[in-house]
């Protein structure tokens, strides 16, 4: 694995990438498409770890955080050429938003091609073990200041909250964090 670039260097390049992406003529369409990913955008372990989560209120701020995270990853990839190194730790709710953004592949590919950056994200290589003081936190702070604590929840706190959610889900008949359930649907009479 390549050595990560200095956090300030990553921050500077990530800001440049973000500015270019936001200035792209298709950015508004990309943003709208990402935010429309609503009924399909269901996860039992991402947004729900946010206290009093409401997708209607939280989607737009999470979009900003997801875009910042993708720009940090793109900056690391540009400096290292290493996809694994570019998979820097990201908070779970922010990572979930990046999935909604990546679900717009054609428009995102056109924007990033014009910007000259590559978006890096691969589920089997991602790290959602973000914590304060780590490389991602240092680069984020250098680029945009302190990340919003509502969305940038540390890995340890996410694990604690998932334990609470797991109990509530199981009481409602959902098992394996929503990947299975015990609900029987009666057939509609013919």
N, C-alpha and C. Protein backbone atom coordinates (compact mmCIF):
# COMPACT_ATOMS: atom_id res chain seq x y z
N UNK A 1 0.84 -1.18 0.00
CA UNK A 1 0.00 0.00 0.00
C UNK A 1 0.88 1.24 0.00
N UNK A 2 0.50 2.23 -0.78
CA UNK A 2 1.21 3.50 -0.81
C UNK A 2 1.01 4.26 0.49
N UNK A 3 1.98 5.09 0.81
CA UNK A 3 1.84 5.96 1.96
C UNK A 3 0.81 7.04 1.64
N UNK A 4 -0.04 7.33 2.60
CA UNK A 4 -1.06 8.36 2.38
C UNK A 4 -0.39 9.72 2.27
N UNK A 5 -0.90 10.59 1.41
CA UNK A 5 -0.35 11.93 1.30
C UNK A 5 -0.63 12.72 2.58
N UNK A 6 0.10 13.77 2.79
CA UNK A 6 -0.14 14.61 3.95
C UNK A 6 -1.59 15.06 3.95
N UNK A 7 -2.23 15.07 5.10
CA UNK A 7 -3.66 15.40 5.20
C UNK A 7 -3.98 16.77 4.59
N UNK A 8 -3.09 17.74 4.75
CA UNK A 8 -3.34 19.08 4.19
C UNK A 8 -3.33 19.05 2.67
N UNK A 9 -2.47 18.22 2.09
CA UNK A 9 -2.42 18.08 0.63
C UNK A 9 -3.72 17.46 0.12
N UNK A 10 -4.19 16.42 0.81
CA UNK A 10 -5.45 15.80 0.45
C UNK A 10 -6.59 16.80 0.56
N UNK A 11 -6.59 17.58 1.64
CA UNK A 11 -7.63 18.58 1.86
C UNK A 11 -7.67 19.60 0.73
N UNK A 12 -6.51 20.09 0.35
CA UNK A 12 -6.44 21.11 -0.71
C UNK A 12 -7.00 20.57 -2.02
N UNK A 13 -6.59 19.35 -2.38
CA UNK A 13 -7.06 18.78 -3.63
C UNK A 13 -8.55 18.43 -3.55
N UNK A 14 -9.01 17.93 -2.41
CA UNK A 14 -10.42 17.60 -2.24
C UNK A 14 -11.28 18.86 -2.40
N UNK A 15 -10.84 19.98 -1.86
CA UNK A 15 -11.58 21.24 -2.02
C UNK A 15 -11.66 21.62 -3.49
N UNK A 16 -10.56 21.46 -4.22
CA UNK A 16 -10.54 21.78 -5.65
C UNK A 16 -11.52 20.89 -6.41
N UNK A 17 -11.50 19.60 -6.10
CA UNK A 17 -12.41 18.66 -6.77
C UNK A 17 -13.85 19.02 -6.45
N UNK A 18 -14.15 19.28 -5.19
CA UNK A 18 -15.51 19.65 -4.80
C UNK A 18 -15.99 20.90 -5.52
N UNK A 19 -15.14 21.91 -5.58
CA UNK A 19 -15.51 23.16 -6.26
C UNK A 19 -15.82 22.89 -7.73
N UNK A 20 -15.00 22.07 -8.37
CA UNK A 20 -15.22 21.76 -9.79
C UNK A 20 -16.49 20.95 -9.99
N UNK A 21 -16.74 19.98 -9.11
CA UNK A 21 -17.96 19.17 -9.22
C UNK A 21 -19.19 20.06 -9.06
N UNK A 22 -19.18 20.93 -8.06
CA UNK A 22 -20.34 21.80 -7.82
C UNK A 22 -20.55 22.81 -8.95
N UNK A 23 -19.49 23.13 -9.69
CA UNK A 23 -19.61 24.08 -10.80
C UNK A 23 -20.02 23.40 -12.10
N UNK A 24 -20.03 22.08 -12.12
CA UNK A 24 -20.35 21.35 -13.34
C UNK A 24 -21.80 21.62 -13.76
N UNK A 25 -22.05 21.72 -15.06
CA UNK A 25 -23.42 22.00 -15.52
C UNK A 25 -24.43 20.92 -15.15
N UNK A 26 -23.99 19.71 -14.87
CA UNK A 26 -24.92 18.64 -14.50
C UNK A 26 -25.01 18.42 -12.99
N UNK A 27 -24.34 19.27 -12.21
CA UNK A 27 -24.35 19.07 -10.76
C UNK A 27 -25.75 19.11 -10.17
N UNK A 28 -26.56 20.07 -10.56
CA UNK A 28 -27.91 20.18 -10.00
C UNK A 28 -28.72 18.92 -10.29
N UNK A 29 -28.57 18.37 -11.47
CA UNK A 29 -29.29 17.14 -11.82
C UNK A 29 -28.76 15.97 -11.00
N UNK A 30 -27.45 15.93 -10.80
CA UNK A 30 -26.84 14.87 -9.98
C UNK A 30 -27.35 14.94 -8.55
N UNK A 31 -27.37 16.14 -8.00
CA UNK A 31 -27.86 16.34 -6.63
C UNK A 31 -29.32 15.92 -6.52
N UNK A 32 -30.14 16.37 -7.45
CA UNK A 32 -31.57 16.04 -7.43
C UNK A 32 -31.78 14.52 -7.54
N UNK A 33 -31.04 13.88 -8.41
CA UNK A 33 -31.18 12.42 -8.58
C UNK A 33 -30.75 11.69 -7.31
N UNK A 34 -29.67 12.12 -6.70
CA UNK A 34 -29.18 11.49 -5.47
C UNK A 34 -30.19 11.65 -4.34
N UNK A 35 -30.79 12.81 -4.24
CA UNK A 35 -31.76 13.06 -3.17
C UNK A 35 -33.11 12.39 -3.43
N UNK A 36 -33.40 12.07 -4.67
CA UNK A 36 -34.64 11.36 -5.00
C UNK A 36 -34.56 9.89 -4.66
N UNK A 37 -33.40 9.41 -4.42
CA UNK A 37 -33.19 8.01 -4.09
C UNK A 37 -33.73 7.78 -2.68
N UNK A 38 -35.06 7.78 -2.57
CA UNK A 38 -35.67 7.78 -1.26
C UNK A 38 -36.31 6.45 -0.87
N UNK A 39 -37.38 6.04 -1.53
CA UNK A 39 -38.01 4.79 -1.14
C UNK A 39 -37.08 3.60 -1.37
N UNK A 40 -36.21 3.70 -2.36
CA UNK A 40 -35.24 2.63 -2.60
C UNK A 40 -34.05 2.74 -1.64
N UNK A 41 -33.90 3.90 -1.04
CA UNK A 41 -32.77 4.17 -0.17
C UNK A 41 -33.14 3.79 1.25
N UNK A 42 -33.24 2.50 1.48
CA UNK A 42 -33.63 1.99 2.79
C UNK A 42 -32.50 1.14 3.34
N UNK A 43 -32.08 1.49 4.53
CA UNK A 43 -31.01 0.75 5.18
C UNK A 43 -31.32 0.75 6.68
N UNK A 44 -31.13 -0.37 7.32
CA UNK A 44 -31.40 -0.49 8.75
C UNK A 44 -30.21 -0.08 9.60
N UNK A 45 -29.06 0.15 8.97
CA UNK A 45 -27.83 0.38 9.75
C UNK A 45 -27.10 1.67 9.43
N UNK A 46 -27.56 2.47 8.48
CA UNK A 46 -26.87 3.71 8.11
C UNK A 46 -27.51 4.92 8.74
N UNK A 47 -28.52 5.46 8.07
CA UNK A 47 -29.22 6.62 8.60
C UNK A 47 -29.82 6.40 9.98
N UNK A 48 -30.39 5.22 10.25
CA UNK A 48 -31.02 5.01 11.55
C UNK A 48 -30.09 5.14 12.76
N UNK A 49 -28.78 5.17 12.57
CA UNK A 49 -27.89 5.39 13.73
C UNK A 49 -27.85 6.87 14.14
N UNK A 50 -28.45 7.73 13.32
CA UNK A 50 -28.54 9.16 13.63
C UNK A 50 -29.73 9.36 14.58
N UNK A 51 -29.53 10.09 15.66
CA UNK A 51 -30.62 10.35 16.61
C UNK A 51 -31.77 11.07 15.90
N UNK A 52 -32.98 10.57 16.12
CA UNK A 52 -34.18 11.16 15.55
C UNK A 52 -34.04 11.41 14.04
N UNK A 53 -33.51 10.42 13.37
CA UNK A 53 -33.28 10.49 11.92
C UNK A 53 -34.58 10.70 11.16
N UNK A 54 -34.54 11.57 10.18
CA UNK A 54 -35.65 11.80 9.26
C UNK A 54 -35.05 12.06 7.89
N UNK A 55 -35.24 11.14 6.99
CA UNK A 55 -34.62 11.26 5.67
C UNK A 55 -35.00 12.56 4.98
N UNK A 56 -36.22 13.04 5.20
CA UNK A 56 -36.65 14.29 4.57
C UNK A 56 -35.78 15.46 5.02
N UNK A 57 -35.38 15.46 6.28
CA UNK A 57 -34.56 16.55 6.82
C UNK A 57 -33.06 16.29 6.68
N UNK A 58 -32.66 15.03 6.74
CA UNK A 58 -31.24 14.70 6.79
C UNK A 58 -30.61 14.43 5.43
N UNK A 59 -31.40 14.20 4.40
CA UNK A 59 -30.83 13.84 3.10
C UNK A 59 -29.93 14.95 2.54
N UNK A 60 -30.38 16.19 2.55
CA UNK A 60 -29.58 17.27 1.95
C UNK A 60 -28.25 17.49 2.69
N UNK A 61 -28.24 17.56 4.03
CA UNK A 61 -26.95 17.69 4.71
C UNK A 61 -26.06 16.46 4.50
N UNK A 62 -26.67 15.28 4.46
CA UNK A 62 -25.88 14.07 4.21
C UNK A 62 -25.30 14.07 2.79
N UNK A 63 -26.02 14.65 1.84
CA UNK A 63 -25.49 14.76 0.49
C UNK A 63 -24.18 15.56 0.50
N UNK A 64 -24.16 16.66 1.22
CA UNK A 64 -22.93 17.47 1.33
C UNK A 64 -21.81 16.64 1.93
N UNK A 65 -22.10 15.91 2.99
CA UNK A 65 -21.07 15.11 3.65
C UNK A 65 -20.60 13.97 2.77
N UNK A 66 -21.53 13.32 2.08
CA UNK A 66 -21.15 12.24 1.17
C UNK A 66 -20.27 12.74 0.05
N UNK A 67 -20.60 13.90 -0.51
CA UNK A 67 -19.80 14.46 -1.59
C UNK A 67 -18.40 14.82 -1.09
N UNK A 68 -18.32 15.38 0.09
CA UNK A 68 -17.01 15.71 0.67
C UNK A 68 -16.19 14.44 0.86
N UNK A 69 -16.82 13.38 1.37
CA UNK A 69 -16.11 12.12 1.57
C UNK A 69 -15.59 11.56 0.25
N UNK A 70 -16.43 11.59 -0.80
CA UNK A 70 -16.00 11.09 -2.11
C UNK A 70 -14.85 11.93 -2.67
N UNK A 71 -14.87 13.24 -2.42
CA UNK A 71 -13.79 14.11 -2.90
C UNK A 71 -12.49 13.85 -2.15
N UNK A 72 -12.58 13.56 -0.85
CA UNK A 72 -11.38 13.18 -0.10
C UNK A 72 -10.80 11.89 -0.66
N UNK A 73 -11.66 10.91 -0.92
CA UNK A 73 -11.19 9.64 -1.48
C UNK A 73 -10.55 9.85 -2.85
N UNK A 74 -11.18 10.70 -3.68
CA UNK A 74 -10.64 10.97 -5.01
C UNK A 74 -9.26 11.63 -4.92
N UNK A 75 -9.10 12.52 -3.96
CA UNK A 75 -7.81 13.19 -3.77
C UNK A 75 -6.73 12.21 -3.34
N UNK A 76 -7.08 11.29 -2.46
CA UNK A 76 -6.11 10.27 -2.02
C UNK A 76 -5.75 9.38 -3.19
N UNK A 77 -6.75 8.97 -3.97
CA UNK A 77 -6.47 8.11 -5.12
C UNK A 77 -5.56 8.81 -6.12
N UNK A 78 -5.84 10.07 -6.38
CA UNK A 78 -5.02 10.84 -7.32
C UNK A 78 -3.56 10.89 -6.86
N UNK A 79 -3.35 11.04 -5.57
CA UNK A 79 -1.99 11.14 -5.04
C UNK A 79 -1.28 9.80 -4.96
N UNK A 80 -2.04 8.72 -4.78
CA UNK A 80 -1.40 7.42 -4.56
C UNK A 80 -1.56 6.44 -5.71
N UNK A 81 -2.64 6.58 -6.50
CA UNK A 81 -2.93 5.59 -7.54
C UNK A 81 -3.38 4.25 -6.95
N UNK A 82 -3.70 4.24 -5.66
CA UNK A 82 -4.01 3.02 -4.94
C UNK A 82 -5.46 3.06 -4.46
N UNK A 83 -6.30 2.20 -5.05
CA UNK A 83 -7.72 2.17 -4.68
C UNK A 83 -7.91 1.81 -3.23
N UNK A 84 -7.12 0.88 -2.72
CA UNK A 84 -7.26 0.47 -1.32
C UNK A 84 -6.90 1.62 -0.38
N UNK A 85 -5.85 2.34 -0.70
CA UNK A 85 -5.45 3.48 0.13
C UNK A 85 -6.53 4.56 0.10
N UNK A 86 -7.18 4.70 -1.04
CA UNK A 86 -8.21 5.73 -1.20
C UNK A 86 -9.48 5.42 -0.41
N UNK A 87 -9.64 4.17 -0.02
CA UNK A 87 -10.81 3.79 0.79
C UNK A 87 -10.55 4.17 2.25
N UNK A 88 -10.43 5.46 2.49
CA UNK A 88 -10.19 5.97 3.84
C UNK A 88 -11.46 5.80 4.68
N UNK A 89 -11.31 5.72 6.00
CA UNK A 89 -12.48 5.53 6.86
C UNK A 89 -13.51 6.66 6.74
N UNK A 90 -14.77 6.27 6.68
CA UNK A 90 -15.89 7.21 6.56
C UNK A 90 -16.93 6.79 7.59
N UNK A 91 -17.65 7.74 8.14
CA UNK A 91 -18.71 7.44 9.09
C UNK A 91 -19.86 6.70 8.39
N UNK A 92 -20.50 5.81 9.09
CA UNK A 92 -21.54 4.95 8.51
C UNK A 92 -22.66 5.75 7.81
N UNK A 93 -23.27 6.77 8.43
CA UNK A 93 -24.34 7.49 7.72
C UNK A 93 -23.84 8.19 6.46
N UNK A 94 -22.62 8.69 6.50
CA UNK A 94 -22.03 9.37 5.33
C UNK A 94 -21.79 8.34 4.22
N UNK A 95 -21.29 7.18 4.59
CA UNK A 95 -21.07 6.12 3.62
C UNK A 95 -22.37 5.71 2.95
N UNK A 96 -23.45 5.63 3.74
CA UNK A 96 -24.74 5.27 3.14
C UNK A 96 -25.15 6.28 2.08
N UNK A 97 -24.91 7.56 2.35
CA UNK A 97 -25.26 8.58 1.34
C UNK A 97 -24.41 8.41 0.08
N UNK A 98 -23.14 8.03 0.24
CA UNK A 98 -22.32 7.84 -0.96
C UNK A 98 -22.92 6.76 -1.86
N UNK A 99 -23.60 5.78 -1.26
CA UNK A 99 -24.24 4.74 -2.06
C UNK A 99 -25.37 5.33 -2.91
N UNK A 100 -26.12 6.26 -2.36
CA UNK A 100 -27.17 6.92 -3.14
C UNK A 100 -26.57 7.72 -4.28
N UNK A 101 -25.41 8.31 -4.04
CA UNK A 101 -24.74 9.10 -5.08
C UNK A 101 -24.17 8.21 -6.18
N UNK A 102 -23.58 7.12 -5.78
CA UNK A 102 -22.98 6.20 -6.74
C UNK A 102 -24.06 5.48 -7.54
N UNK A 103 -25.27 5.48 -7.06
CA UNK A 103 -26.40 4.88 -7.79
C UNK A 103 -26.83 5.75 -8.97
N UNK A 104 -26.11 6.83 -9.21
CA UNK A 104 -26.33 7.70 -10.38
C UNK A 104 -25.08 7.58 -11.27
N UNK A 105 -24.75 6.39 -11.75
CA UNK A 105 -23.44 6.17 -12.36
C UNK A 105 -23.15 6.97 -13.62
N UNK A 106 -24.11 7.12 -14.49
CA UNK A 106 -23.83 7.80 -15.76
C UNK A 106 -23.53 9.28 -15.53
N UNK A 107 -24.39 9.96 -14.80
CA UNK A 107 -24.19 11.39 -14.59
C UNK A 107 -22.94 11.64 -13.75
N UNK A 108 -22.69 10.80 -12.74
CA UNK A 108 -21.48 10.95 -11.92
C UNK A 108 -20.24 10.73 -12.76
N UNK A 109 -20.27 9.74 -13.65
CA UNK A 109 -19.12 9.48 -14.52
C UNK A 109 -18.85 10.67 -15.45
N UNK A 110 -19.90 11.26 -16.00
CA UNK A 110 -19.71 12.42 -16.88
C UNK A 110 -19.11 13.60 -16.12
N UNK A 111 -19.63 13.85 -14.93
CA UNK A 111 -19.13 14.97 -14.13
C UNK A 111 -17.66 14.75 -13.77
N UNK A 112 -17.34 13.58 -13.26
CA UNK A 112 -15.97 13.34 -12.82
C UNK A 112 -14.99 13.30 -13.99
N UNK A 113 -15.46 12.87 -15.16
CA UNK A 113 -14.60 12.91 -16.34
C UNK A 113 -14.26 14.34 -16.70
N UNK A 114 -15.25 15.23 -16.65
CA UNK A 114 -14.99 16.64 -16.95
C UNK A 114 -14.10 17.28 -15.89
N UNK A 115 -14.28 16.87 -14.64
CA UNK A 115 -13.51 17.42 -13.53
C UNK A 115 -12.08 16.87 -13.53
N UNK A 116 -11.91 15.66 -14.05
CA UNK A 116 -10.60 15.04 -14.05
C UNK A 116 -10.28 14.33 -12.75
N UNK A 117 -11.31 13.76 -12.12
CA UNK A 117 -11.12 13.03 -10.87
C UNK A 117 -11.81 11.68 -10.98
N UNK A 118 -11.33 10.73 -10.20
CA UNK A 118 -11.96 9.42 -10.17
C UNK A 118 -12.59 9.19 -8.81
N UNK A 119 -13.85 8.81 -8.82
CA UNK A 119 -14.55 8.50 -7.58
C UNK A 119 -14.23 7.05 -7.23
N UNK A 120 -13.80 6.86 -6.00
CA UNK A 120 -13.41 5.54 -5.53
C UNK A 120 -14.43 5.08 -4.49
N UNK A 121 -15.00 3.91 -4.73
CA UNK A 121 -15.87 3.30 -3.73
C UNK A 121 -16.12 1.87 -4.14
N UNK A 122 -15.74 0.96 -3.27
CA UNK A 122 -16.02 -0.45 -3.50
C UNK A 122 -16.37 -1.06 -2.16
N UNK A 123 -17.56 -1.61 -2.07
CA UNK A 123 -18.09 -2.08 -0.80
C UNK A 123 -17.16 -3.06 -0.09
N UNK A 124 -16.55 -3.97 -0.81
CA UNK A 124 -15.70 -4.95 -0.12
C UNK A 124 -14.38 -4.37 0.36
N UNK A 125 -14.09 -3.12 0.00
CA UNK A 125 -12.86 -2.47 0.46
C UNK A 125 -13.13 -1.26 1.35
N UNK A 126 -14.40 -0.88 1.48
CA UNK A 126 -14.71 0.33 2.24
C UNK A 126 -14.41 0.15 3.72
N UNK A 127 -14.17 1.28 4.36
CA UNK A 127 -13.93 1.30 5.80
C UNK A 127 -14.93 2.26 6.43
N UNK A 128 -15.77 1.72 7.30
CA UNK A 128 -16.72 2.57 8.02
C UNK A 128 -16.31 2.65 9.49
N UNK A 129 -15.02 2.51 9.72
CA UNK A 129 -14.50 2.56 11.08
C UNK A 129 -13.90 3.93 11.41
N UNK A 130 -14.57 4.96 10.92
CA UNK A 130 -14.12 6.33 11.15
C UNK A 130 -14.08 6.64 12.64
N UNK A 131 -13.07 7.40 13.04
CA UNK A 131 -12.98 7.87 14.41
C UNK A 131 -12.29 9.22 14.45
N UNK A 132 -12.56 9.97 15.46
CA UNK A 132 -11.94 11.30 15.60
C UNK A 132 -10.42 11.17 15.66
N UNK A 133 -9.77 12.06 14.96
CA UNK A 133 -8.30 12.09 14.96
C UNK A 133 -7.65 11.23 13.89
N UNK A 134 -8.43 10.39 13.19
CA UNK A 134 -7.82 9.54 12.16
C UNK A 134 -7.49 10.38 10.92
N UNK A 135 -6.95 9.74 9.91
CA UNK A 135 -6.52 10.45 8.70
C UNK A 135 -7.68 11.20 8.05
N UNK A 136 -8.83 10.55 7.93
CA UNK A 136 -9.98 11.19 7.30
C UNK A 136 -10.37 12.45 8.08
N UNK A 137 -10.41 12.34 9.39
CA UNK A 137 -10.78 13.48 10.23
C UNK A 137 -9.78 14.63 10.05
N UNK A 138 -8.51 14.32 10.01
CA UNK A 138 -7.48 15.36 9.82
C UNK A 138 -7.66 16.06 8.47
N UNK A 139 -7.86 15.27 7.42
CA UNK A 139 -8.02 15.86 6.08
C UNK A 139 -9.32 16.66 5.98
N UNK A 140 -10.39 16.14 6.54
CA UNK A 140 -11.67 16.83 6.51
C UNK A 140 -11.54 18.18 7.21
N UNK A 141 -10.98 18.17 8.42
CA UNK A 141 -10.83 19.42 9.19
C UNK A 141 -10.00 20.43 8.42
N UNK A 142 -8.94 19.97 7.77
CA UNK A 142 -8.09 20.88 6.99
C UNK A 142 -8.84 21.47 5.80
N UNK A 143 -9.78 20.71 5.27
CA UNK A 143 -10.54 21.17 4.09
C UNK A 143 -11.73 22.04 4.46
N UNK A 144 -12.52 21.61 5.43
CA UNK A 144 -13.81 22.26 5.69
C UNK A 144 -14.09 22.56 7.16
N UNK A 145 -13.16 22.32 8.04
CA UNK A 145 -13.41 22.50 9.46
C UNK A 145 -13.91 21.22 10.09
N UNK A 146 -14.41 21.32 11.29
CA UNK A 146 -14.87 20.14 12.03
C UNK A 146 -16.11 19.54 11.35
N UNK A 147 -16.10 18.22 11.13
CA UNK A 147 -17.28 17.60 10.51
C UNK A 147 -18.47 17.63 11.47
N UNK A 148 -19.68 17.73 10.93
CA UNK A 148 -20.86 17.75 11.80
C UNK A 148 -21.03 16.44 12.56
N UNK A 149 -21.06 16.54 13.88
CA UNK A 149 -21.14 15.35 14.74
C UNK A 149 -22.43 14.56 14.51
N UNK A 150 -23.47 15.21 14.03
CA UNK A 150 -24.73 14.50 13.78
C UNK A 150 -24.53 13.38 12.76
N UNK A 151 -23.66 13.60 11.77
CA UNK A 151 -23.47 12.64 10.70
C UNK A 151 -22.15 11.87 10.81
N UNK A 152 -21.14 12.51 11.34
CA UNK A 152 -19.84 11.87 11.49
C UNK A 152 -19.79 11.24 12.88
N UNK A 153 -20.43 10.08 12.99
CA UNK A 153 -20.53 9.34 14.24
C UNK A 153 -19.40 8.31 14.26
N UNK A 154 -18.67 8.27 15.35
CA UNK A 154 -17.52 7.37 15.42
C UNK A 154 -17.96 5.90 15.34
N UNK A 155 -17.04 5.08 14.94
CA UNK A 155 -17.29 3.65 14.79
C UNK A 155 -17.79 3.03 16.10
N UNK A 156 -17.16 3.39 17.22
CA UNK A 156 -17.57 2.83 18.52
C UNK A 156 -19.01 3.24 18.85
N UNK A 157 -19.36 4.48 18.59
CA UNK A 157 -20.71 4.94 18.88
C UNK A 157 -21.72 4.29 17.94
N UNK A 158 -21.35 4.10 16.68
CA UNK A 158 -22.24 3.41 15.74
C UNK A 158 -22.51 2.00 16.25
N UNK A 159 -21.47 1.31 16.70
CA UNK A 159 -21.64 -0.06 17.22
C UNK A 159 -22.60 -0.07 18.41
N UNK A 160 -22.47 0.90 19.30
CA UNK A 160 -23.37 0.99 20.46
C UNK A 160 -24.82 1.21 20.01
N UNK A 161 -25.01 2.15 19.08
CA UNK A 161 -26.36 2.45 18.60
C UNK A 161 -26.95 1.28 17.82
N UNK A 162 -26.13 0.56 17.08
CA UNK A 162 -26.63 -0.61 16.36
C UNK A 162 -27.11 -1.69 17.32
N UNK A 163 -26.47 -1.80 18.47
CA UNK A 163 -26.92 -2.74 19.49
C UNK A 163 -28.33 -2.39 19.96
N UNK A 164 -28.59 -1.11 20.16
CA UNK A 164 -29.93 -0.65 20.55
C UNK A 164 -30.93 -0.93 19.45
N UNK A 165 -30.56 -0.57 18.22
CA UNK A 165 -31.46 -0.80 17.08
C UNK A 165 -31.75 -2.29 16.88
N UNK A 166 -30.72 -3.12 17.04
CA UNK A 166 -30.89 -4.56 16.85
C UNK A 166 -32.01 -5.08 17.75
N UNK A 167 -32.01 -4.67 19.02
CA UNK A 167 -33.05 -5.11 19.94
C UNK A 167 -34.43 -4.65 19.50
N UNK A 168 -34.54 -3.43 19.04
CA UNK A 168 -35.83 -2.89 18.59
C UNK A 168 -36.29 -3.60 17.31
N UNK A 169 -35.37 -3.83 16.39
CA UNK A 169 -35.73 -4.52 15.15
C UNK A 169 -36.23 -5.93 15.45
N UNK A 170 -35.49 -6.65 16.30
CA UNK A 170 -35.86 -8.03 16.61
C UNK A 170 -37.23 -8.08 17.30
N UNK A 171 -37.52 -7.11 18.16
CA UNK A 171 -38.83 -7.06 18.82
C UNK A 171 -39.95 -6.85 17.80
N UNK A 172 -39.64 -6.21 16.69
CA UNK A 172 -40.64 -5.98 15.64
C UNK A 172 -40.66 -7.10 14.60
N UNK A 173 -39.83 -8.11 14.77
CA UNK A 173 -39.82 -9.25 13.85
C UNK A 173 -38.75 -9.20 12.78
N UNK A 174 -37.86 -8.20 12.85
CA UNK A 174 -36.77 -8.11 11.87
C UNK A 174 -35.51 -8.74 12.47
N UNK A 175 -34.90 -9.62 11.72
CA UNK A 175 -33.68 -10.29 12.16
C UNK A 175 -32.50 -9.85 11.29
N UNK A 176 -31.29 -10.09 11.79
CA UNK A 176 -30.05 -9.81 11.06
C UNK A 176 -30.06 -8.39 10.50
N UNK A 177 -30.43 -7.44 11.34
CA UNK A 177 -30.42 -6.01 11.00
C UNK A 177 -31.22 -5.71 9.73
N UNK A 178 -32.37 -6.36 9.62
CA UNK A 178 -33.28 -6.09 8.51
C UNK A 178 -33.06 -6.96 7.29
N UNK A 179 -32.11 -7.88 7.35
CA UNK A 179 -31.85 -8.76 6.21
C UNK A 179 -32.77 -9.97 6.19
N UNK A 180 -33.56 -10.14 7.25
CA UNK A 180 -34.54 -11.22 7.33
C UNK A 180 -35.66 -10.74 8.24
N UNK A 181 -36.86 -11.33 8.08
CA UNK A 181 -37.94 -10.99 8.99
C UNK A 181 -38.86 -12.18 9.18
N UNK A 182 -39.72 -12.06 10.18
CA UNK A 182 -40.66 -13.12 10.53
C UNK A 182 -42.10 -12.73 10.22
N UNK A 183 -42.29 -11.81 9.32
CA UNK A 183 -43.61 -11.31 8.98
C UNK A 183 -44.23 -12.19 7.91
N UNK A 184 -45.43 -12.66 8.15
CA UNK A 184 -46.15 -13.48 7.18
C UNK A 184 -47.19 -12.60 6.50
N UNK A 185 -47.17 -12.60 5.20
CA UNK A 185 -48.15 -11.84 4.42
C UNK A 185 -49.24 -12.79 3.96
N UNK A 186 -50.45 -12.45 4.34
CA UNK A 186 -51.58 -13.27 3.92
C UNK A 186 -51.85 -13.01 2.45
N UNK A 187 -52.13 -14.05 1.68
CA UNK A 187 -52.43 -13.83 0.26
C UNK A 187 -53.74 -13.04 0.10
N UNK A 188 -53.79 -12.28 -0.93
CA UNK A 188 -55.01 -11.53 -1.25
C UNK A 188 -56.02 -12.51 -1.81
N UNK A 189 -57.26 -12.49 -1.27
CA UNK A 189 -58.27 -13.41 -1.80
C UNK A 189 -58.49 -13.18 -3.30
N UNK A 190 -58.68 -14.27 -4.01
CA UNK A 190 -58.88 -14.18 -5.47
C UNK A 190 -60.25 -13.71 -5.82
